[in-house]
Amino acid sequence: MEWRKIHISKDQAAKGLSTTILNEFDAVNKAAGAPRDSAIFGTSRGRSGPHEDNSAFITIYLSPRAATVAPELVAKYKAVECDAPPIGVSLLVGYQASLRLLRQQ
């Protein structure tokens, strides 16, 4: 399984879509026993960290394990395959130890 990402526009962010996705994932992840390598990272335009898509206001990255834990969210929010997120992203959901996933790339 590959990394996945979801781009969120400024309008979608204003309507709380990123919070909705994080809350939905958190519930599914906890129900799956909160695997140590299941995590969500994110970047937003205007904050620290690189951003490769100018049309996205927020980009949410699902680790490979997160994508397998929550396939319904991958489908619902049309998450697309991608490379591992860039260094400088923020850990949004998951264990602090999940940051090691970024260094493994």
N, C-alpha and C. Protein backbone atom coordinates (compact mmCIF):
# COMPACT_ATOMS: atom_id res chain seq x y z
N MET A 1 0.85 -1.18 0.00
CA MET A 1 0.00 0.00 0.00
C MET A 1 0.89 1.24 0.00
N GLU A 2 0.44 2.26 -0.65
CA GLU A 2 1.18 3.51 -0.79
C GLU A 2 0.62 4.59 0.13
N TRP A 3 1.39 5.65 0.26
CA TRP A 3 0.88 6.85 0.93
C TRP A 3 -0.27 7.40 0.11
N ARG A 4 -1.18 8.08 0.77
CA ARG A 4 -2.32 8.73 0.10
C ARG A 4 -2.41 10.17 0.58
N LYS A 5 -2.98 11.03 -0.27
CA LYS A 5 -3.18 12.42 0.14
C LYS A 5 -4.54 12.91 -0.29
N ILE A 6 -5.03 13.86 0.48
CA ILE A 6 -6.32 14.51 0.22
C ILE A 6 -6.04 16.01 0.19
N HIS A 7 -6.41 16.65 -0.91
CA HIS A 7 -6.26 18.11 -1.00
C HIS A 7 -7.58 18.76 -0.55
N ILE A 8 -7.45 19.78 0.26
CA ILE A 8 -8.62 20.51 0.77
C ILE A 8 -8.48 21.97 0.37
N SER A 9 -9.51 22.49 -0.28
CA SER A 9 -9.48 23.88 -0.71
C SER A 9 -9.74 24.81 0.48
N LYS A 10 -9.51 26.09 0.26
CA LYS A 10 -9.75 27.08 1.32
C LYS A 10 -11.23 27.07 1.73
N ASP A 11 -12.13 26.96 0.75
CA ASP A 11 -13.58 26.92 1.06
C ASP A 11 -13.93 25.68 1.87
N GLN A 12 -13.38 24.54 1.48
CA GLN A 12 -13.64 23.30 2.22
C GLN A 12 -13.09 23.40 3.64
N ALA A 13 -11.92 24.00 3.77
CA ALA A 13 -11.31 24.16 5.10
C ALA A 13 -12.18 25.06 5.97
N ALA A 14 -12.71 26.12 5.38
CA ALA A 14 -13.57 27.05 6.13
C ALA A 14 -14.83 26.35 6.62
N LYS A 15 -15.28 25.33 5.89
CA LYS A 15 -16.47 24.58 6.28
C LYS A 15 -16.15 23.43 7.24
N GLY A 16 -14.87 23.31 7.61
CA GLY A 16 -14.49 22.30 8.61
C GLY A 16 -14.19 20.92 8.07
N LEU A 17 -13.93 20.80 6.76
CA LEU A 17 -13.70 19.47 6.19
C LEU A 17 -12.48 18.78 6.80
N SER A 18 -11.42 19.51 7.02
CA SER A 18 -10.22 18.85 7.57
C SER A 18 -10.51 18.29 8.96
N THR A 19 -11.23 19.02 9.78
CA THR A 19 -11.59 18.54 11.11
C THR A 19 -12.49 17.31 11.02
N THR A 20 -13.41 17.32 10.08
CA THR A 20 -14.30 16.18 9.87
C THR A 20 -13.50 14.94 9.51
N ILE A 21 -12.57 15.08 8.57
CA ILE A 21 -11.75 13.94 8.15
C ILE A 21 -10.93 13.41 9.32
N LEU A 22 -10.31 14.30 10.06
CA LEU A 22 -9.48 13.87 11.20
C LEU A 22 -10.32 13.17 12.26
N ASN A 23 -11.50 13.69 12.55
CA ASN A 23 -12.37 13.05 13.54
C ASN A 23 -12.85 11.68 13.08
N GLU A 24 -13.23 11.58 11.80
CA GLU A 24 -13.66 10.30 11.26
C GLU A 24 -12.53 9.29 11.30
N PHE A 25 -11.34 9.72 10.90
CA PHE A 25 -10.19 8.80 10.93
C PHE A 25 -9.86 8.38 12.35
N ASP A 26 -9.87 9.32 13.27
CA ASP A 26 -9.53 9.00 14.67
C ASP A 26 -10.46 7.91 15.20
N ALA A 27 -11.74 8.01 14.91
CA ALA A 27 -12.70 7.00 15.38
C ALA A 27 -12.41 5.63 14.76
N VAL A 28 -12.17 5.60 13.45
CA VAL A 28 -11.89 4.33 12.76
C VAL A 28 -10.56 3.75 13.25
N ASN A 29 -9.58 4.61 13.41
CA ASN A 29 -8.26 4.17 13.85
C ASN A 29 -8.32 3.58 15.26
N LYS A 30 -9.04 4.22 16.16
CA LYS A 30 -9.19 3.70 17.52
C LYS A 30 -9.90 2.35 17.51
N ALA A 31 -10.94 2.23 16.66
CA ALA A 31 -11.68 0.97 16.57
C ALA A 31 -10.79 -0.16 16.05
N ALA A 32 -9.75 0.20 15.28
CA ALA A 32 -8.81 -0.79 14.75
C ALA A 32 -7.65 -1.06 15.72
N GLY A 33 -7.73 -0.47 16.91
CA GLY A 33 -6.69 -0.69 17.90
C GLY A 33 -5.55 0.31 17.83
N ALA A 34 -5.73 1.38 17.06
CA ALA A 34 -4.73 2.45 16.92
C ALA A 34 -3.33 1.90 16.63
N PRO A 35 -3.17 1.25 15.47
CA PRO A 35 -1.85 0.71 15.13
C PRO A 35 -0.77 1.80 15.16
N ARG A 36 0.40 1.45 15.63
CA ARG A 36 1.48 2.42 15.80
C ARG A 36 1.90 3.11 14.49
N ASP A 37 1.76 2.42 13.37
CA ASP A 37 2.18 3.01 12.09
C ASP A 37 1.02 3.59 11.30
N SER A 38 -0.11 3.77 11.93
CA SER A 38 -1.28 4.38 11.31
C SER A 38 -1.34 5.83 11.76
N ALA A 39 -1.10 6.74 10.82
CA ALA A 39 -1.02 8.16 11.18
C ALA A 39 -1.46 9.05 10.03
N ILE A 40 -1.86 10.25 10.39
CA ILE A 40 -2.17 11.28 9.41
C ILE A 40 -1.26 12.48 9.69
N PHE A 41 -0.70 12.99 8.61
CA PHE A 41 0.15 14.17 8.65
C PHE A 41 -0.51 15.25 7.79
N GLY A 42 -0.09 16.49 7.98
CA GLY A 42 -0.67 17.54 7.16
C GLY A 42 0.23 18.75 6.98
N THR A 43 -0.05 19.46 5.91
CA THR A 43 0.58 20.76 5.64
C THR A 43 -0.53 21.73 5.27
N SER A 44 -0.26 22.99 5.48
CA SER A 44 -1.20 24.00 5.01
C SER A 44 -0.43 25.18 4.45
N ARG A 45 -0.99 25.80 3.45
CA ARG A 45 -0.34 26.94 2.85
C ARG A 45 -0.27 28.07 3.86
N GLY A 46 0.86 28.72 3.93
CA GLY A 46 1.02 29.82 4.88
C GLY A 46 1.64 29.40 6.19
N ARG A 47 1.82 28.09 6.40
CA ARG A 47 2.50 27.60 7.60
C ARG A 47 3.81 26.98 7.19
N SER A 48 4.61 26.64 8.19
CA SER A 48 5.90 26.05 7.86
C SER A 48 5.72 24.70 7.19
N GLY A 49 6.66 24.38 6.35
CA GLY A 49 6.59 23.12 5.62
C GLY A 49 6.31 23.36 4.15
N PRO A 50 6.92 22.57 3.29
CA PRO A 50 6.74 22.75 1.85
C PRO A 50 5.36 22.30 1.40
N HIS A 51 4.95 22.82 0.28
CA HIS A 51 3.63 22.47 -0.25
C HIS A 51 3.73 22.41 -1.76
N GLU A 52 3.38 21.28 -2.34
CA GLU A 52 3.62 21.10 -3.77
C GLU A 52 2.43 21.40 -4.66
N ASP A 53 1.26 21.65 -4.11
CA ASP A 53 0.08 21.88 -4.94
C ASP A 53 -0.53 23.23 -4.59
N ASN A 54 -0.43 24.18 -5.51
CA ASN A 54 -0.91 25.53 -5.23
C ASN A 54 -2.43 25.64 -5.15
N SER A 55 -3.16 24.64 -5.65
CA SER A 55 -4.62 24.69 -5.58
C SER A 55 -5.15 24.24 -4.22
N ALA A 56 -4.31 23.57 -3.45
CA ALA A 56 -4.74 23.05 -2.15
C ALA A 56 -4.37 24.04 -1.05
N PHE A 57 -5.29 24.24 -0.13
CA PHE A 57 -5.03 25.07 1.04
C PHE A 57 -4.44 24.20 2.15
N ILE A 58 -4.97 22.98 2.26
CA ILE A 58 -4.48 21.99 3.23
C ILE A 58 -4.29 20.68 2.48
N THR A 59 -3.21 19.98 2.78
CA THR A 59 -3.01 18.64 2.25
C THR A 59 -2.87 17.70 3.44
N ILE A 60 -3.70 16.65 3.45
CA ILE A 60 -3.67 15.63 4.49
C ILE A 60 -3.06 14.38 3.88
N TYR A 61 -2.06 13.83 4.57
CA TYR A 61 -1.37 12.62 4.11
C TYR A 61 -1.72 11.46 5.04
N LEU A 62 -2.14 10.35 4.45
CA LEU A 62 -2.41 9.13 5.20
C LEU A 62 -1.24 8.17 5.00
N SER A 63 -0.69 7.69 6.11
CA SER A 63 0.38 6.69 6.00
C SER A 63 -0.19 5.45 5.31
N PRO A 64 0.68 4.60 4.77
CA PRO A 64 0.17 3.38 4.14
C PRO A 64 -0.73 2.57 5.06
N ARG A 65 -0.37 2.46 6.33
CA ARG A 65 -1.20 1.71 7.28
C ARG A 65 -2.53 2.42 7.53
N ALA A 66 -2.51 3.74 7.61
CA ALA A 66 -3.76 4.50 7.80
C ALA A 66 -4.71 4.26 6.65
N ALA A 67 -4.17 4.19 5.44
CA ALA A 67 -5.01 3.95 4.27
C ALA A 67 -5.66 2.57 4.31
N THR A 68 -4.95 1.58 4.89
CA THR A 68 -5.55 0.24 4.98
C THR A 68 -6.53 0.15 6.14
N VAL A 69 -6.33 0.94 7.18
CA VAL A 69 -7.24 0.97 8.33
C VAL A 69 -8.55 1.66 7.96
N ALA A 70 -8.48 2.65 7.08
CA ALA A 70 -9.66 3.46 6.76
C ALA A 70 -9.93 3.54 5.25
N PRO A 71 -10.14 2.40 4.59
CA PRO A 71 -10.36 2.44 3.14
C PRO A 71 -11.61 3.23 2.74
N GLU A 72 -12.59 3.26 3.64
CA GLU A 72 -13.81 4.02 3.31
C GLU A 72 -13.53 5.52 3.26
N LEU A 73 -12.60 6.01 4.06
CA LEU A 73 -12.23 7.43 4.00
C LEU A 73 -11.41 7.71 2.74
N VAL A 74 -10.56 6.78 2.37
CA VAL A 74 -9.78 6.92 1.13
C VAL A 74 -10.74 7.09 -0.04
N ALA A 75 -11.78 6.26 -0.08
CA ALA A 75 -12.75 6.35 -1.17
C ALA A 75 -13.63 7.60 -1.05
N LYS A 76 -14.15 7.84 0.12
CA LYS A 76 -15.07 8.96 0.34
C LYS A 76 -14.46 10.30 -0.02
N TYR A 77 -13.19 10.50 0.35
CA TYR A 77 -12.54 11.79 0.12
C TYR A 77 -11.58 11.76 -1.07
N LYS A 78 -11.66 10.69 -1.86
CA LYS A 78 -10.90 10.57 -3.09
C LYS A 78 -9.39 10.78 -2.88
N ALA A 79 -8.87 10.13 -1.86
CA ALA A 79 -7.43 10.20 -1.58
C ALA A 79 -6.66 9.55 -2.73
N VAL A 80 -5.62 10.19 -3.18
CA VAL A 80 -4.84 9.69 -4.29
C VAL A 80 -3.47 9.22 -3.80
N GLU A 81 -2.90 8.25 -4.52
CA GLU A 81 -1.57 7.76 -4.18
C GLU A 81 -0.56 8.89 -4.35
N CYS A 82 0.47 8.86 -3.50
CA CYS A 82 1.49 9.89 -3.56
C CYS A 82 2.77 9.38 -2.92
N ASP A 83 3.82 10.17 -3.05
CA ASP A 83 5.06 9.90 -2.34
C ASP A 83 4.85 10.23 -0.87
N ALA A 84 5.78 9.82 -0.05
CA ALA A 84 5.74 10.18 1.37
C ALA A 84 5.72 11.70 1.49
N PRO A 85 5.08 12.22 2.52
CA PRO A 85 5.03 13.68 2.68
C PRO A 85 6.41 14.27 2.89
N PRO A 86 6.54 15.55 2.58
CA PRO A 86 7.84 16.21 2.75
C PRO A 86 8.17 16.38 4.23
N ILE A 87 9.45 16.46 4.52
CA ILE A 87 9.89 16.77 5.88
C ILE A 87 9.32 18.15 6.24
N GLY A 88 8.86 18.29 7.46
CA GLY A 88 8.27 19.56 7.88
C GLY A 88 6.77 19.50 8.04
N VAL A 89 6.16 18.35 7.66
CA VAL A 89 4.72 18.21 7.87
C VAL A 89 4.44 18.04 9.35
N SER A 90 3.20 18.26 9.73
CA SER A 90 2.78 18.10 11.13
C SER A 90 2.07 16.77 11.31
N LEU A 91 2.32 16.12 12.44
CA LEU A 91 1.58 14.92 12.80
C LEU A 91 0.23 15.38 13.33
N LEU A 92 -0.86 14.93 12.69
CA LEU A 92 -2.21 15.35 13.08
C LEU A 92 -2.95 14.30 13.89
N VAL A 93 -2.78 13.03 13.53
CA VAL A 93 -3.40 11.93 14.26
C VAL A 93 -2.40 10.78 14.28
N GLY A 94 -2.19 10.21 15.45
CA GLY A 94 -1.28 9.08 15.57
C GLY A 94 -0.28 9.30 16.68
N TYR A 95 0.51 8.27 16.90
CA TYR A 95 1.54 8.32 17.93
C TYR A 95 2.72 9.17 17.47
N GLN A 96 3.36 9.83 18.41
CA GLN A 96 4.55 10.63 18.11
C GLN A 96 5.61 9.78 17.41
N ALA A 97 5.67 8.52 17.75
CA ALA A 97 6.63 7.60 17.12
C ALA A 97 6.38 7.46 15.62
N SER A 98 5.21 7.84 15.16
CA SER A 98 4.89 7.76 13.73
C SER A 98 5.77 8.67 12.89
N LEU A 99 6.39 9.65 13.51
CA LEU A 99 7.29 10.54 12.77
C LEU A 99 8.44 9.77 12.13
N ARG A 100 8.76 8.59 12.67
CA ARG A 100 9.82 7.77 12.08
C ARG A 100 9.46 7.34 10.66
N LEU A 101 8.16 7.28 10.36
CA LEU A 101 7.72 6.90 9.00
C LEU A 101 8.26 7.88 7.96
N LEU A 102 8.42 9.12 8.34
CA LEU A 102 8.93 10.14 7.43
C LEU A 102 10.41 9.93 7.16
N ARG A 103 11.13 9.47 8.15
CA ARG A 103 12.57 9.28 8.02
C ARG A 103 12.92 8.00 7.27
N GLN A 104 11.95 7.11 7.12
CA GLN A 104 12.21 5.84 6.44
C GLN A 104 12.19 6.00 4.93
N GLN A 105 11.77 7.13 4.45
CA GLN A 105 11.65 7.35 3.00
C GLN A 105 12.96 7.71 2.37
